[in-house]
């Protein structure tokens, strides 16, 4: 929100939604409010109490607690994974790195860990005593569970971001068990000149990678063998630094919205209502920067 002077017209306010409103305030009050909103004066002076109360009553003041600090593990290698790690790194987020094989082997319920490999429906009792990444953290040094490229974060892992600069590997399905163990699960892949941001899996029952694969294969109809063969071929994507920056920023925005508890995107004068991130597959055209969101729900359980 911004408060500013309009030459010859008095004072105006720009809402967070983008809507502009005229307001009737003297210049000195506008200057003091601007210093408060900008953080120059973190505590509003006593004479601004009526204006502060009026802004609060109108819903302009956000009294939400500051975002919590979370630990995020980026799974993947290469320039795109590096860009994602850099975009995530900042206040409130500690970033670690791990390779897919190591994390899959440490995930209860995955085939590599001795589990059933049935995605989010795996039985923790069959996990074979494997280390849970939600409590183990990222490992470094001589730890046998640590893989190449691990970086030093210790303690619980709150979220995992899997990144592939090419089609998503089928092995991602082994990590669909993460939300059931309290670890959010984000995924980014690239198919040709299209970035694919899968729905974040935050709660048990959210759409995982297995759901995305099933939904896309069903939508492909008679062409599903071609799509499956393309995924299996896993050709490297023709991407560059600008593409990496765009995709990394979009994925980081999803992660930070989750950290802040903003499950439903804000809408307003400049942005239409959007699907919640957990219920959409986002496709980014890297040649035009156009973004298309497609509704995607979990595949329901079926009778045996």
Protein backbone atom coordinates (compact mmCIF):
# COMPACT_ATOMS: atom_id res chain seq x y z
CA UNK A 1 0.00 0.00 0.00
CA UNK A 2 1.22 3.50 -0.86
CA UNK A 3 -0.01 6.96 0.03
CA UNK A 4 1.03 9.81 -2.25
CA UNK A 5 0.16 13.32 -3.45
CA UNK A 6 -1.60 13.94 -6.77
CA UNK A 7 -0.67 17.42 -8.10
CA UNK A 8 -3.70 19.62 -7.90
CA UNK A 9 -5.95 16.82 -6.66
CA UNK A 10 -4.89 16.13 -3.09
CA UNK A 11 -3.92 12.75 -1.67
CA UNK A 12 -4.41 9.26 -3.09
CA UNK A 13 -3.86 5.71 -1.94
CA UNK A 14 -2.85 2.65 -3.96
CA UNK A 15 -4.21 -0.56 -2.46
CA UNK A 16 -2.23 -3.79 -2.53
CA UNK A 17 -4.71 -5.03 -5.16
CA UNK A 18 -3.73 -2.17 -7.50
CA UNK A 19 -6.89 -0.13 -7.00
CA UNK A 20 -6.43 3.63 -6.60
CA UNK A 21 -8.48 5.73 -4.19
CA UNK A 22 -8.58 9.40 -3.33
CA UNK A 23 -8.32 10.22 0.38
CA UNK A 24 -8.66 13.48 2.27
CA UNK A 25 -5.56 14.02 4.42
CA UNK A 26 -3.35 17.04 5.01
CA UNK A 27 0.19 16.97 3.53
CA UNK A 28 1.91 16.66 6.93
CA UNK A 29 -0.16 13.58 7.77
CA UNK A 30 0.61 12.05 4.38
CA UNK A 31 4.33 12.58 4.97
CA UNK A 32 4.16 10.92 8.37
CA UNK A 33 2.10 8.01 7.03
CA UNK A 34 4.53 7.50 4.17
CA UNK A 35 7.45 7.33 6.61
CA UNK A 36 5.54 4.72 8.60
CA UNK A 37 4.51 2.60 5.60
CA UNK A 38 8.04 2.69 4.16
CA UNK A 39 9.56 1.57 7.46
CA UNK A 40 11.50 4.80 7.97
CA UNK A 41 9.51 5.33 11.17
CA UNK A 42 8.58 1.82 12.40
CA UNK A 43 6.32 3.17 15.14
CA UNK A 44 3.56 5.59 14.09
CA UNK A 45 3.56 8.81 16.11
CA UNK A 46 0.68 9.24 18.58
CA UNK A 47 -0.99 11.92 16.47
CA UNK A 48 -1.53 9.30 13.72
CA UNK A 49 -3.64 7.01 15.92
CA UNK A 50 -6.97 8.07 14.32
CA UNK A 51 -5.60 7.53 10.81
CA UNK A 52 -4.02 4.21 11.84
CA UNK A 53 -7.32 3.04 13.30
CA UNK A 54 -9.15 4.11 10.14
CA UNK A 55 -6.72 2.20 7.91
CA UNK A 56 -7.02 -0.86 10.15
CA UNK A 57 -10.84 -0.70 10.07
CA UNK A 58 -10.71 -0.55 6.25
CA UNK A 59 -8.52 -3.68 6.18
CA UNK A 60 -5.39 -1.97 4.87
CA UNK A 61 -3.08 -2.99 7.70
CA UNK A 62 -1.68 -6.51 7.79
CA UNK A 63 -1.23 -7.68 11.37
CA UNK A 64 -0.17 -11.19 10.38
CA UNK A 65 2.85 -12.53 12.28
CA UNK A 66 6.16 -12.54 10.40
CA UNK A 67 6.79 -15.68 8.30
CA UNK A 68 8.50 -18.54 10.07
CA UNK A 69 11.99 -19.65 9.12
CA UNK A 70 12.04 -22.87 7.13
CA UNK A 71 14.67 -25.24 5.76
CA UNK A 72 14.28 -26.15 2.08
CA UNK A 73 16.24 -28.86 0.28
CA UNK A 74 16.77 -28.37 -3.47
CA UNK A 75 17.05 -31.73 -5.24
CA UNK A 76 18.79 -31.65 -8.59
CA UNK A 77 21.94 -30.42 -10.27
CA UNK A 78 22.84 -28.01 -13.03
CA UNK A 79 22.19 -24.36 -13.76
CA UNK A 80 18.41 -24.47 -13.21
CA UNK A 81 18.76 -26.09 -9.77
CA UNK A 82 21.45 -23.54 -8.93
CA UNK A 83 19.09 -20.71 -9.94
CA UNK A 84 16.31 -22.15 -7.77
CA UNK A 85 18.63 -22.41 -4.76
CA UNK A 86 19.74 -18.80 -5.28
CA UNK A 87 16.15 -17.55 -5.65
CA UNK A 88 15.07 -19.31 -2.45
CA UNK A 89 18.00 -18.17 -0.35
CA UNK A 90 17.09 -15.18 1.76
CA UNK A 91 15.31 -14.08 4.93
CA UNK A 92 13.17 -16.85 6.37
CA UNK A 93 14.56 -19.64 4.17
CA UNK A 94 17.62 -21.85 4.74
CA UNK A 95 18.59 -23.73 1.59
CA UNK A 96 20.37 -27.08 1.35
CA UNK A 97 21.18 -29.32 -1.61
CA UNK A 98 20.83 -33.05 -2.14
CA UNK A 99 20.82 -35.46 -5.07
CA UNK A 100 17.69 -37.40 -6.02
CA UNK A 101 19.11 -40.89 -5.49
CA UNK A 102 20.27 -40.13 -1.95
CA UNK A 103 17.03 -38.51 -0.89
CA UNK A 104 14.92 -41.26 -2.46
CA UNK A 105 16.92 -43.90 -0.62
CA UNK A 106 16.32 -42.06 2.66
CA UNK A 107 12.58 -41.61 2.14
CA UNK A 108 10.31 -44.06 4.00
CA UNK A 109 7.92 -45.87 1.69
CA UNK A 110 10.03 -45.53 -1.45
CA UNK A 111 11.27 -48.64 -3.29
CA UNK A 112 14.89 -47.66 -2.63
CA UNK A 113 14.13 -47.53 1.09
CA UNK A 114 12.42 -50.90 1.10
CA UNK A 115 8.88 -49.54 1.06
CA UNK A 116 5.93 -50.23 -1.20
CA UNK A 117 6.65 -47.41 -3.63
CA UNK A 118 2.96 -46.52 -3.88
CA UNK A 119 3.37 -42.78 -3.52
CA UNK A 120 1.40 -41.01 -0.81
CA UNK A 121 -0.36 -44.23 0.18
CA UNK A 122 2.78 -46.00 1.40
CA UNK A 123 2.63 -47.57 4.85
CA UNK A 124 5.24 -46.07 7.18
CA UNK A 125 5.38 -49.42 8.96
CA UNK A 126 6.98 -50.96 5.85
CA UNK A 127 9.66 -48.33 5.48
CA UNK A 128 12.39 -50.62 6.71
CA UNK A 129 13.73 -48.16 9.28
CA UNK A 130 14.97 -45.68 6.65
CA UNK A 131 15.83 -42.18 7.75
CA UNK A 132 12.97 -39.73 7.35
CA UNK A 133 14.16 -36.61 5.49
CA UNK A 134 11.64 -34.53 7.38
CA UNK A 135 13.62 -35.10 10.56
CA UNK A 136 17.10 -35.89 9.30
CA UNK A 137 18.02 -32.65 7.57
CA UNK A 138 20.65 -32.32 4.84
CA UNK A 139 23.95 -34.05 5.50
CA UNK A 140 27.53 -33.26 4.79
CA UNK A 141 30.95 -34.60 5.54
CA UNK A 142 31.51 -38.33 6.02
CA UNK A 143 27.87 -39.21 6.67
CA UNK A 144 27.17 -42.27 4.54
CA UNK A 145 23.68 -41.00 3.73
CA UNK A 146 25.01 -37.80 2.24
CA UNK A 147 25.34 -37.60 -1.51
CA UNK A 148 27.42 -35.36 -3.76
CA UNK A 149 26.45 -31.75 -3.71
CA UNK A 150 24.85 -31.78 -0.26
CA UNK A 151 25.12 -28.44 1.49
CA UNK A 152 25.17 -27.63 5.12
CA UNK A 153 21.79 -27.31 6.73
CA UNK A 154 21.10 -29.28 9.86
CA UNK A 155 17.87 -30.20 11.58
CA UNK A 156 14.39 -30.79 10.16
CA UNK A 157 13.65 -30.23 6.48
CA UNK A 158 10.39 -28.36 5.98
CA UNK A 159 10.20 -28.57 2.19
CA UNK A 160 11.82 -30.33 -0.74
CA UNK A 161 12.07 -28.72 -4.19
CA UNK A 162 12.87 -31.16 -6.99
CA UNK A 163 14.28 -29.54 -10.15
CA UNK A 164 14.90 -31.12 -13.56
CA UNK A 165 16.21 -29.20 -16.59
CA UNK A 166 14.33 -31.69 -18.75
CA UNK A 167 11.25 -33.91 -18.30
CA UNK A 168 10.51 -34.92 -14.71
CA UNK A 169 11.97 -38.34 -13.83
CA UNK A 170 9.55 -41.06 -12.80
CA UNK A 171 11.65 -41.44 -9.63
CA UNK A 172 9.96 -38.31 -8.28
CA UNK A 173 6.92 -40.46 -7.50
CA UNK A 174 8.94 -42.08 -4.70
CA UNK A 175 8.92 -38.74 -2.87
CA UNK A 176 5.13 -38.34 -2.95
CA UNK A 177 5.17 -39.66 0.63
CA UNK A 178 6.81 -36.47 1.92
CA UNK A 179 3.62 -34.49 2.77
CA UNK A 180 2.37 -37.36 4.94
CA UNK A 181 5.50 -36.85 7.05
CA UNK A 182 5.14 -33.07 7.32
CA UNK A 183 7.45 -32.07 4.46
CA UNK A 184 6.08 -29.90 1.65
CA UNK A 185 6.87 -31.17 -1.85
CA UNK A 186 7.52 -28.78 -4.78
CA UNK A 187 8.47 -29.81 -8.34
CA UNK A 188 9.78 -28.00 -11.43
CA UNK A 189 10.65 -29.58 -14.78
CA UNK A 190 11.21 -28.39 -18.35
CA UNK A 191 9.85 -29.95 -21.53
CA UNK A 192 11.37 -28.31 -24.59
CA UNK A 193 10.59 -24.60 -24.29
CA UNK A 194 7.93 -25.06 -21.64
CA UNK A 195 8.48 -24.91 -17.90
CA UNK A 196 6.24 -27.21 -15.85
CA UNK A 197 5.49 -26.23 -12.25
CA UNK A 198 3.57 -29.08 -10.67
CA UNK A 199 1.04 -28.45 -7.88
CA UNK A 200 2.82 -28.14 -4.54
CA UNK A 201 1.98 -31.07 -2.28
CA UNK A 202 1.60 -29.57 1.18
CA UNK A 203 -0.95 -31.79 2.93
CA UNK A 204 -1.53 -35.55 2.81
CA UNK A 205 -3.80 -36.25 -0.14
CA UNK A 206 -2.55 -33.35 -2.27
CA UNK A 207 -1.66 -34.15 -5.87
CA UNK A 208 1.81 -35.66 -6.10
CA UNK A 209 3.98 -36.44 -9.09
CA UNK A 210 2.20 -39.75 -9.67
CA UNK A 211 -1.11 -37.84 -9.92
CA UNK A 212 0.40 -35.37 -12.40
CA UNK A 213 1.71 -38.18 -14.58
CA UNK A 214 -1.62 -40.01 -14.50
CA UNK A 215 -3.66 -36.89 -15.29
CA UNK A 216 -1.40 -35.84 -18.17
CA UNK A 217 -1.31 -39.30 -19.69
CA UNK A 218 -5.11 -39.48 -19.51
CA UNK A 219 -5.41 -36.06 -21.16
CA UNK A 220 -3.08 -37.17 -23.94
CA UNK A 221 -5.61 -39.79 -25.00
CA UNK A 222 -4.37 -41.99 -27.83
CA UNK A 223 -1.10 -40.03 -27.82
CA UNK A 224 -0.15 -41.19 -24.33
CA UNK A 225 2.53 -43.66 -25.58
CA UNK A 226 4.32 -40.76 -27.28
CA UNK A 227 4.23 -38.63 -24.14
CA UNK A 228 5.46 -41.52 -22.00
CA UNK A 229 8.30 -42.23 -24.46
CA UNK A 230 9.25 -38.54 -24.43
CA UNK A 231 9.44 -38.54 -20.64
CA UNK A 232 11.54 -41.70 -20.69
CA UNK A 233 13.92 -40.22 -23.29
CA UNK A 234 14.44 -37.21 -20.99
CA UNK A 235 16.03 -34.90 -23.57
CA UNK A 236 17.92 -31.94 -22.12
CA UNK A 237 15.94 -28.72 -22.35
CA UNK A 238 17.31 -25.88 -24.53
CA UNK A 239 17.27 -23.31 -21.74
CA UNK A 240 19.49 -20.40 -20.77
CA UNK A 241 20.09 -18.06 -17.84
CA UNK A 242 16.98 -15.95 -18.51
CA UNK A 243 14.77 -19.04 -18.58
CA UNK A 244 16.34 -20.28 -15.36
CA UNK A 245 15.76 -16.95 -13.63
CA UNK A 246 12.09 -16.84 -14.65
CA UNK A 247 11.30 -20.39 -13.59
CA UNK A 248 13.28 -20.10 -10.37
CA UNK A 249 11.41 -16.91 -9.44
CA UNK A 250 8.03 -18.58 -10.01
CA UNK A 251 8.95 -21.62 -7.95
CA UNK A 252 10.39 -19.44 -5.18
CA UNK A 253 7.15 -17.41 -5.16
CA UNK A 254 5.17 -20.61 -4.57
CA UNK A 255 7.48 -21.63 -1.74
CA UNK A 256 7.35 -18.22 -0.07
CA UNK A 257 3.56 -18.08 -0.38
CA UNK A 258 3.41 -21.46 1.38
CA UNK A 259 5.76 -20.22 4.11
CA UNK A 260 3.54 -17.17 4.65
CA UNK A 261 0.38 -19.30 4.71
CA UNK A 262 -1.11 -17.71 1.58
CA UNK A 263 -2.76 -20.76 0.04
CA UNK A 264 -5.17 -18.81 -2.18
CA UNK A 265 -3.63 -16.20 -4.51
CA UNK A 266 -4.70 -12.61 -4.01
CA UNK A 267 -6.86 -11.04 -6.71
CA UNK A 268 -7.61 -7.44 -7.40
CA UNK A 269 -7.92 -4.68 -9.96
CA UNK A 270 -4.90 -5.84 -11.97
CA UNK A 271 -4.93 -9.61 -11.39
CA UNK A 272 -7.93 -11.89 -11.94
CA UNK A 273 -8.84 -14.64 -9.51
CA UNK A 274 -6.40 -17.53 -9.80
CA UNK A 275 -6.40 -21.19 -8.88
CA UNK A 276 -4.74 -22.14 -5.58
CA UNK A 277 -1.21 -23.40 -6.24
CA UNK A 278 -2.08 -26.80 -4.75
CA UNK A 279 -4.80 -27.26 -7.38
CA UNK A 280 -3.05 -26.17 -10.57
CA UNK A 281 -0.43 -27.30 -13.04
CA UNK A 282 1.42 -24.20 -14.26
CA UNK A 283 2.91 -24.18 -17.75
CA UNK A 284 5.32 -21.38 -18.71
CA UNK A 285 6.06 -20.64 -22.36
CA UNK A 286 9.73 -19.71 -22.25
CA UNK A 287 9.60 -17.97 -25.63
CA UNK A 288 6.81 -15.54 -24.68
CA UNK A 289 6.82 -15.73 -20.84
CA UNK A 290 3.10 -16.54 -21.04
CA UNK A 291 1.76 -18.48 -18.06
CA UNK A 292 -1.15 -20.93 -18.30
CA UNK A 293 -2.66 -22.54 -15.22
CA UNK A 294 -4.55 -25.82 -15.61
CA UNK A 295 -6.72 -27.24 -12.85
CA UNK A 296 -5.35 -30.52 -11.53
CA UNK A 297 -6.80 -32.63 -8.72
CA UNK A 298 -5.45 -35.78 -7.10
CA UNK A 299 -6.44 -39.06 -8.72
CA UNK A 300 -8.98 -40.65 -6.35
CA UNK A 301 -8.36 -44.06 -4.86
CA UNK A 302 -9.97 -46.87 -6.80
CA UNK A 303 -11.32 -50.18 -5.62
CA UNK A 304 -8.97 -53.16 -6.12
